[in-house]
Structures are given as structure tokens and as C-alpha cells.
Amino acid sequence: MNGPLIHPGEILNEEFLKPLGLSAIALAKLCNVPRTRFERVVAAKTAITPDTALRLSKALGTTPQFWMTLQTRYDLATTANRLDLDDIKPIKVA
């Protein structure tokens, strides 16, 4: 995959929390989750789960798909960087 790997937590922090003047702790309170959930997401130590995506979408006026797509793209890119798939030959489909 091309381009730098950007964890969804960086998007959350840079595009939402900072402009809104919110901390991860304040967002956690708004979303009724432990403070560590968003602290760990922002620190790129944990992934966006469907539960988190639903909460973020409600609180921030986005869609859950936005957050899940960011996470899926990140997961695919980080996994692709670790794998060597050169030995796998595509199956010819008639």
C-alpha cells in the first residue's frame, strides 16, 4: 500500500479533538466509556472497534463506516508491510 501509515487515532486527535478543544478523557466521558479507550486509540495502541466507531460517529457527527474504513485501511497496510506474498501465485479463472 502506498503512502504513510496513519492510525485512526491520529485522525481522531488531529482532525477532531484538537479543533474541538477536547481531550481524549472528555470524549470518553461524552461517549460513556473508560477514559483509557480513547487515550489508547489516540496513542495508536488500540484499534477502532465497531463499538467505538458507533460511539465516535454519534458524538462527532460522522458515520461508523468512516471510522471502520480508516481502521481497515490501516490494518491492511500494516499487515501488507509484514507479509511476503511473492510465493503465492494467482489462480487462473476461466
N, C-alpha and C. Protein backbone atom coordinates (compact mmCIF):
# COMPACT_ATOMS: atom_id res chain seq x y z
N MET A 1 0.84 -1.17 0.00
CA MET A 1 0.00 0.00 0.00
C MET A 1 0.89 1.23 0.00
N ASN A 2 0.44 2.25 -0.66
CA ASN A 2 1.23 3.46 -0.82
C ASN A 2 0.89 4.50 0.24
N GLY A 3 1.86 5.38 0.47
CA GLY A 3 1.63 6.48 1.40
C GLY A 3 1.98 6.09 2.82
N PRO A 4 2.06 7.09 3.69
CA PRO A 4 2.40 6.83 5.08
C PRO A 4 1.24 6.15 5.81
N LEU A 5 1.59 5.34 6.77
CA LEU A 5 0.56 4.69 7.59
C LEU A 5 0.07 5.68 8.64
N ILE A 6 -1.20 5.93 8.63
CA ILE A 6 -1.79 6.85 9.60
C ILE A 6 -2.83 6.08 10.39
N HIS A 7 -2.59 5.96 11.68
CA HIS A 7 -3.53 5.27 12.57
C HIS A 7 -4.78 6.13 12.72
N PRO A 8 -5.95 5.51 12.81
CA PRO A 8 -7.18 6.29 13.00
C PRO A 8 -7.14 7.20 14.23
N GLY A 9 -6.36 6.82 15.22
CA GLY A 9 -6.23 7.67 16.41
C GLY A 9 -5.61 9.01 16.10
N GLU A 10 -4.71 9.03 15.12
CA GLU A 10 -4.10 10.30 14.72
C GLU A 10 -5.14 11.19 14.04
N ILE A 11 -5.99 10.59 13.23
CA ILE A 11 -7.09 11.34 12.59
C ILE A 11 -8.04 11.87 13.67
N LEU A 12 -8.38 11.02 14.61
CA LEU A 12 -9.26 11.43 15.70
C LEU A 12 -8.68 12.64 16.44
N ASN A 13 -7.41 12.55 16.77
CA ASN A 13 -6.77 13.61 17.53
C ASN A 13 -6.61 14.90 16.71
N GLU A 14 -6.05 14.78 15.51
CA GLU A 14 -5.70 15.96 14.72
C GLU A 14 -6.90 16.63 14.04
N GLU A 15 -7.86 15.83 13.61
CA GLU A 15 -8.99 16.38 12.85
C GLU A 15 -10.24 16.64 13.68
N PHE A 16 -10.29 16.06 14.87
CA PHE A 16 -11.49 16.23 15.69
C PHE A 16 -11.18 16.79 17.08
N LEU A 17 -10.38 16.09 17.86
CA LEU A 17 -10.17 16.52 19.24
C LEU A 17 -9.51 17.90 19.33
N LYS A 18 -8.39 18.08 18.66
CA LYS A 18 -7.69 19.38 18.74
C LYS A 18 -8.56 20.54 18.25
N PRO A 19 -9.17 20.43 17.05
CA PRO A 19 -10.01 21.55 16.60
C PRO A 19 -11.19 21.84 17.52
N LEU A 20 -11.71 20.80 18.17
CA LEU A 20 -12.84 20.99 19.06
C LEU A 20 -12.42 21.38 20.48
N GLY A 21 -11.13 21.34 20.74
CA GLY A 21 -10.64 21.65 22.08
C GLY A 21 -11.01 20.59 23.09
N LEU A 22 -11.10 19.34 22.63
CA LEU A 22 -11.46 18.22 23.51
C LEU A 22 -10.25 17.35 23.79
N SER A 23 -10.23 16.78 24.96
CA SER A 23 -9.23 15.77 25.29
C SER A 23 -9.84 14.40 25.07
N ALA A 24 -8.99 13.39 25.03
CA ALA A 24 -9.48 12.02 24.93
C ALA A 24 -10.35 11.67 26.14
N ILE A 25 -9.98 12.21 27.29
CA ILE A 25 -10.75 11.95 28.51
C ILE A 25 -12.14 12.57 28.42
N ALA A 26 -12.22 13.79 27.92
CA ALA A 26 -13.52 14.45 27.77
C ALA A 26 -14.40 13.70 26.78
N LEU A 27 -13.81 13.24 25.68
CA LEU A 27 -14.57 12.47 24.70
C LEU A 27 -15.06 11.16 25.31
N ALA A 28 -14.23 10.53 26.10
CA ALA A 28 -14.63 9.28 26.75
C ALA A 28 -15.83 9.50 27.66
N LYS A 29 -15.83 10.60 28.39
CA LYS A 29 -16.97 10.92 29.26
C LYS A 29 -18.23 11.11 28.43
N LEU A 30 -18.12 11.84 27.31
CA LEU A 30 -19.28 12.05 26.43
C LEU A 30 -19.82 10.75 25.87
N CYS A 31 -18.92 9.80 25.63
CA CYS A 31 -19.30 8.53 25.00
C CYS A 31 -19.57 7.41 26.00
N ASN A 32 -19.49 7.73 27.28
CA ASN A 32 -19.76 6.74 28.33
C ASN A 32 -18.86 5.51 28.25
N VAL A 33 -17.57 5.75 28.08
CA VAL A 33 -16.59 4.66 28.07
C VAL A 33 -15.45 5.02 29.00
N PRO A 34 -14.65 4.04 29.41
CA PRO A 34 -13.48 4.35 30.25
C PRO A 34 -12.53 5.31 29.52
N ARG A 35 -11.91 6.19 30.25
CA ARG A 35 -11.01 7.19 29.66
C ARG A 35 -9.90 6.55 28.86
N THR A 36 -9.48 5.37 29.27
CA THR A 36 -8.36 4.71 28.60
C THR A 36 -8.69 4.30 27.16
N ARG A 37 -9.97 4.13 26.85
CA ARG A 37 -10.31 3.70 25.49
C ARG A 37 -9.79 4.71 24.47
N PHE A 38 -10.12 5.97 24.61
CA PHE A 38 -9.70 6.96 23.62
C PHE A 38 -8.25 7.38 23.82
N GLU A 39 -7.76 7.31 25.05
CA GLU A 39 -6.34 7.57 25.25
C GLU A 39 -5.50 6.57 24.45
N ARG A 40 -5.89 5.30 24.49
CA ARG A 40 -5.16 4.25 23.77
C ARG A 40 -5.34 4.37 22.26
N VAL A 41 -6.52 4.74 21.81
CA VAL A 41 -6.74 4.93 20.37
C VAL A 41 -5.88 6.08 19.87
N VAL A 42 -5.90 7.22 20.56
CA VAL A 42 -5.12 8.38 20.14
C VAL A 42 -3.62 8.07 20.15
N ALA A 43 -3.19 7.23 21.07
CA ALA A 43 -1.77 6.85 21.16
C ALA A 43 -1.42 5.73 20.18
N ALA A 44 -2.38 5.31 19.35
CA ALA A 44 -2.18 4.23 18.36
C ALA A 44 -1.81 2.91 19.03
N LYS A 45 -2.35 2.70 20.22
CA LYS A 45 -2.08 1.45 20.94
C LYS A 45 -3.23 0.46 20.84
N THR A 46 -4.36 0.93 20.35
CA THR A 46 -5.50 0.04 20.18
C THR A 46 -6.29 0.46 18.95
N ALA A 47 -7.05 -0.49 18.43
CA ALA A 47 -7.80 -0.27 17.19
C ALA A 47 -9.19 0.31 17.48
N ILE A 48 -9.76 0.86 16.43
CA ILE A 48 -11.16 1.28 16.47
C ILE A 48 -12.00 0.02 16.30
N THR A 49 -12.85 -0.25 17.26
CA THR A 49 -13.77 -1.40 17.18
C THR A 49 -15.12 -0.91 16.66
N PRO A 50 -16.00 -1.82 16.26
CA PRO A 50 -17.34 -1.38 15.86
C PRO A 50 -18.04 -0.57 16.96
N ASP A 51 -17.89 -0.99 18.20
CA ASP A 51 -18.49 -0.26 19.32
C ASP A 51 -17.95 1.16 19.38
N THR A 52 -16.64 1.29 19.27
CA THR A 52 -16.02 2.62 19.30
C THR A 52 -16.45 3.45 18.10
N ALA A 53 -16.51 2.83 16.93
CA ALA A 53 -16.92 3.55 15.72
C ALA A 53 -18.34 4.10 15.87
N LEU A 54 -19.22 3.32 16.44
CA LEU A 54 -20.61 3.78 16.64
C LEU A 54 -20.65 4.95 17.61
N ARG A 55 -19.89 4.88 18.67
CA ARG A 55 -19.86 5.96 19.66
C ARG A 55 -19.24 7.23 19.07
N LEU A 56 -18.13 7.07 18.35
CA LEU A 56 -17.50 8.23 17.72
C LEU A 56 -18.41 8.89 16.70
N SER A 57 -19.10 8.08 15.92
CA SER A 57 -19.98 8.64 14.90
C SER A 57 -21.10 9.45 15.53
N LYS A 58 -21.64 8.96 16.61
CA LYS A 58 -22.73 9.67 17.30
C LYS A 58 -22.21 10.98 17.92
N ALA A 59 -21.07 10.91 18.57
CA ALA A 59 -20.53 12.08 19.26
C ALA A 59 -19.99 13.14 18.30
N LEU A 60 -19.41 12.69 17.18
CA LEU A 60 -18.70 13.62 16.31
C LEU A 60 -19.43 13.92 15.00
N GLY A 61 -20.61 13.35 14.81
CA GLY A 61 -21.38 13.63 13.61
C GLY A 61 -20.81 13.02 12.35
N THR A 62 -20.14 11.90 12.49
CA THR A 62 -19.60 11.18 11.34
C THR A 62 -20.43 9.92 11.14
N THR A 63 -19.91 9.00 10.37
CA THR A 63 -20.56 7.70 10.24
C THR A 63 -19.66 6.64 10.86
N PRO A 64 -20.24 5.54 11.30
CA PRO A 64 -19.39 4.46 11.81
C PRO A 64 -18.50 3.90 10.69
N GLN A 65 -18.99 3.93 9.46
CA GLN A 65 -18.21 3.44 8.33
C GLN A 65 -16.92 4.24 8.15
N PHE A 66 -16.98 5.54 8.41
CA PHE A 66 -15.78 6.37 8.31
C PHE A 66 -14.67 5.82 9.19
N TRP A 67 -15.00 5.54 10.45
CA TRP A 67 -14.01 5.04 11.40
C TRP A 67 -13.56 3.62 11.07
N MET A 68 -14.51 2.78 10.68
CA MET A 68 -14.15 1.40 10.36
C MET A 68 -13.30 1.33 9.09
N THR A 69 -13.57 2.21 8.13
CA THR A 69 -12.76 2.24 6.91
C THR A 69 -11.34 2.69 7.22
N LEU A 70 -11.19 3.71 8.05
CA LEU A 70 -9.86 4.13 8.47
C LEU A 70 -9.11 2.98 9.12
N GLN A 71 -9.79 2.25 10.00
CA GLN A 71 -9.13 1.15 10.71
C GLN A 71 -8.79 0.01 9.76
N THR A 72 -9.70 -0.33 8.87
CA THR A 72 -9.44 -1.41 7.92
C THR A 72 -8.26 -1.07 7.01
N ARG A 73 -8.23 0.14 6.50
CA ARG A 73 -7.11 0.56 5.65
C ARG A 73 -5.79 0.48 6.41
N TYR A 74 -5.78 0.92 7.66
CA TYR A 74 -4.58 0.86 8.47
C TYR A 74 -4.16 -0.59 8.70
N ASP A 75 -5.11 -1.43 9.05
CA ASP A 75 -4.81 -2.84 9.31
C ASP A 75 -4.27 -3.54 8.06
N LEU A 76 -4.88 -3.29 6.91
CA LEU A 76 -4.40 -3.89 5.67
C LEU A 76 -2.99 -3.43 5.34
N ALA A 77 -2.73 -2.14 5.50
CA ALA A 77 -1.41 -1.61 5.17
C ALA A 77 -0.34 -2.16 6.11
N THR A 78 -0.61 -2.19 7.40
CA THR A 78 0.39 -2.69 8.33
C THR A 78 0.63 -4.18 8.13
N THR A 79 -0.42 -4.93 7.82
CA THR A 79 -0.26 -6.36 7.57
C THR A 79 0.50 -6.59 6.27
N ALA A 80 0.18 -5.85 5.23
CA ALA A 80 0.86 -5.99 3.95
C ALA A 80 2.35 -5.70 4.09
N ASN A 81 2.71 -4.77 4.95
CA ASN A 81 4.12 -4.44 5.17
C ASN A 81 4.88 -5.57 5.86
N ARG A 82 4.17 -6.42 6.59
CA ARG A 82 4.82 -7.52 7.31
C ARG A 82 4.87 -8.81 6.51
N LEU A 83 4.01 -8.94 5.52
CA LEU A 83 3.89 -10.20 4.78
C LEU A 83 4.76 -10.22 3.53
N ASP A 84 5.22 -11.42 3.20
CA ASP A 84 5.88 -11.66 1.92
C ASP A 84 4.95 -12.59 1.14
N LEU A 85 4.27 -12.04 0.17
CA LEU A 85 3.29 -12.81 -0.60
C LEU A 85 3.80 -13.22 -1.97
N ASP A 86 5.09 -13.04 -2.20
CA ASP A 86 5.66 -13.31 -3.52
C ASP A 86 5.52 -14.76 -3.96
N ASP A 87 5.49 -15.70 -3.02
CA ASP A 87 5.39 -17.11 -3.36
C ASP A 87 3.98 -17.54 -3.73
N ILE A 88 3.00 -16.69 -3.52
CA ILE A 88 1.61 -17.05 -3.82
C ILE A 88 1.33 -16.68 -5.27
N LYS A 89 0.93 -17.69 -6.03
CA LYS A 89 0.61 -17.48 -7.44
C LYS A 89 -0.90 -17.39 -7.60
N PRO A 90 -1.38 -16.40 -8.34
CA PRO A 90 -2.81 -16.27 -8.56
C PRO A 90 -3.39 -17.46 -9.30
N ILE A 91 -4.58 -17.84 -8.95
CA ILE A 91 -5.30 -18.91 -9.64
C ILE A 91 -5.90 -18.34 -10.91
N LYS A 92 -5.71 -19.03 -12.00
CA LYS A 92 -6.29 -18.58 -13.28
C LYS A 92 -7.76 -18.97 -13.30
N VAL A 93 -8.61 -17.97 -13.46
CA VAL A 93 -10.05 -18.20 -13.52
C VAL A 93 -10.48 -18.05 -14.96
N ALA A 94 -11.18 -19.08 -15.45
CA ALA A 94 -11.59 -19.07 -16.87
C ALA A 94 -12.73 -18.13 -17.10
